[in-house]
Amino acid sequence: MLNIIALIGNIISLFGFLFMIIRNISDHEPEPFYIIIIPLVILFVINIYLISEIYKGNISLYFKRKRLEEEIKIKEAENKLKNL
C-alpha cells in the first residue's frame, strides 16, 4: 500500500515539475531554476522506476535477502513450536 502511495506521489510530482519547466521555458526564467528542477525530475523518474520494479517483484538482491531472512526466521519459529 505504501509503495502505491509513493508511486502516485512521485508521478504527480514529476508532472508538476515538468509543467513548471514548460511554463518557465515560455517565460524565459534564469538558469538557476534548471539547476534545481532538472535533478529533481531525474530523481522522480528514478524513484518511479525503482518503486514500480519493487511492486512488480523484480527487486534487488538486498530485498531478496531480507525476504529470505524473514522466511528463515518464520520457519525457525515454527520448528521451535513443533518441538515444544
Protein backbone atom coordinates (compact mmCIF):
# COMPACT_ATOMS: atom_id res chain seq x y z
CA MET A 1 0.00 0.00 0.00
CA LEU A 2 2.81 2.39 0.90
CA ASN A 3 4.52 1.61 -2.42
CA ILE A 4 1.41 2.61 -4.33
CA ILE A 5 1.09 5.88 -2.41
CA ALA A 6 4.76 6.69 -3.02
CA LEU A 7 4.40 5.83 -6.71
CA ILE A 8 1.36 8.08 -7.11
CA GLY A 9 3.11 10.91 -5.24
CA ASN A 10 6.19 10.63 -7.44
CA ILE A 11 4.13 10.63 -10.63
CA ILE A 12 2.18 13.71 -9.52
CA SER A 13 5.40 15.49 -8.52
CA LEU A 14 7.03 14.57 -11.82
CA PHE A 15 4.13 16.01 -13.82
CA GLY A 16 4.15 19.11 -11.62
CA PHE A 17 7.85 19.73 -12.21
CA LEU A 18 7.51 19.06 -15.94
CA PHE A 19 4.66 21.59 -16.04
CA MET A 20 6.89 24.11 -14.23
CA ILE A 21 9.70 23.53 -16.72
CA ILE A 22 7.40 24.04 -19.70
CA ARG A 23 5.89 27.15 -18.14
CA ASN A 24 9.28 28.66 -17.31
CA ILE A 25 10.69 27.94 -20.76
CA SER A 26 7.96 30.12 -22.20
CA ASP A 27 8.60 32.81 -19.54
CA HIS A 28 12.40 32.73 -20.10
CA GLU A 29 13.33 32.23 -16.43
CA PRO A 30 17.02 32.44 -15.43
CA GLU A 31 19.35 29.41 -15.43
CA PRO A 32 19.44 28.61 -11.65
CA PHE A 33 15.88 27.37 -11.90
CA TYR A 34 17.00 24.48 -14.10
CA ILE A 35 19.91 23.60 -11.81
CA ILE A 36 17.34 22.77 -9.11
CA ILE A 37 14.47 21.35 -11.15
CA ILE A 38 16.26 19.04 -13.63
CA PRO A 39 17.90 16.88 -10.89
CA LEU A 40 14.54 16.66 -9.11
CA VAL A 41 12.88 15.44 -12.29
CA ILE A 42 15.62 12.82 -12.71
CA LEU A 43 15.15 11.79 -9.06
CA PHE A 44 11.41 11.35 -9.51
CA VAL A 45 11.92 9.28 -12.66
CA ILE A 46 14.38 7.01 -10.84
CA ASN A 47 12.01 6.72 -7.86
CA ILE A 48 9.10 5.80 -10.11
CA TYR A 49 11.22 3.15 -11.84
CA LEU A 50 12.51 1.62 -8.59
CA ILE A 51 9.11 1.61 -6.89
CA SER A 52 7.48 0.01 -9.91
CA GLU A 53 10.23 -2.65 -10.02
CA ILE A 54 9.73 -3.42 -6.33
CA TYR A 55 5.97 -3.55 -6.81
CA LYS A 56 6.30 -5.98 -9.74
CA GLY A 57 8.53 -8.25 -7.71
CA ASN A 58 11.76 -7.65 -9.62
CA ILE A 59 13.58 -6.41 -6.54
CA SER A 60 17.28 -6.10 -5.89
CA LEU A 61 19.36 -8.71 -4.13
CA TYR A 62 19.18 -6.75 -0.89
CA PHE A 63 15.41 -7.01 -0.74
CA LYS A 64 15.51 -10.69 -1.78
CA ARG A 65 17.98 -11.41 1.01
CA LYS A 66 15.79 -9.58 3.54
CA ARG A 67 12.74 -11.56 2.42
CA LEU A 68 14.64 -14.86 2.68
CA GLU A 69 15.91 -13.93 6.15
CA GLU A 70 12.33 -13.28 7.27
CA GLU A 71 11.20 -16.63 5.84
CA ILE A 72 14.04 -18.41 7.64
CA LYS A 73 13.08 -16.76 10.94
CA ILE A 74 9.45 -17.81 10.45
CA LYS A 75 10.46 -21.41 9.71
CA GLU A 76 12.77 -21.49 12.74
CA ALA A 77 9.94 -20.24 14.93
CA GLU A 78 7.58 -22.89 13.51
CA ASN A 79 10.18 -25.60 14.18
CA LYS A 80 10.59 -24.42 17.78
CA LEU A 81 6.82 -24.55 18.25
CA LYS A 82 6.69 -28.08 16.85
CA ASN A 83 9.46 -29.17 19.26
CA LEU A 84 7.52 -27.83 22.23
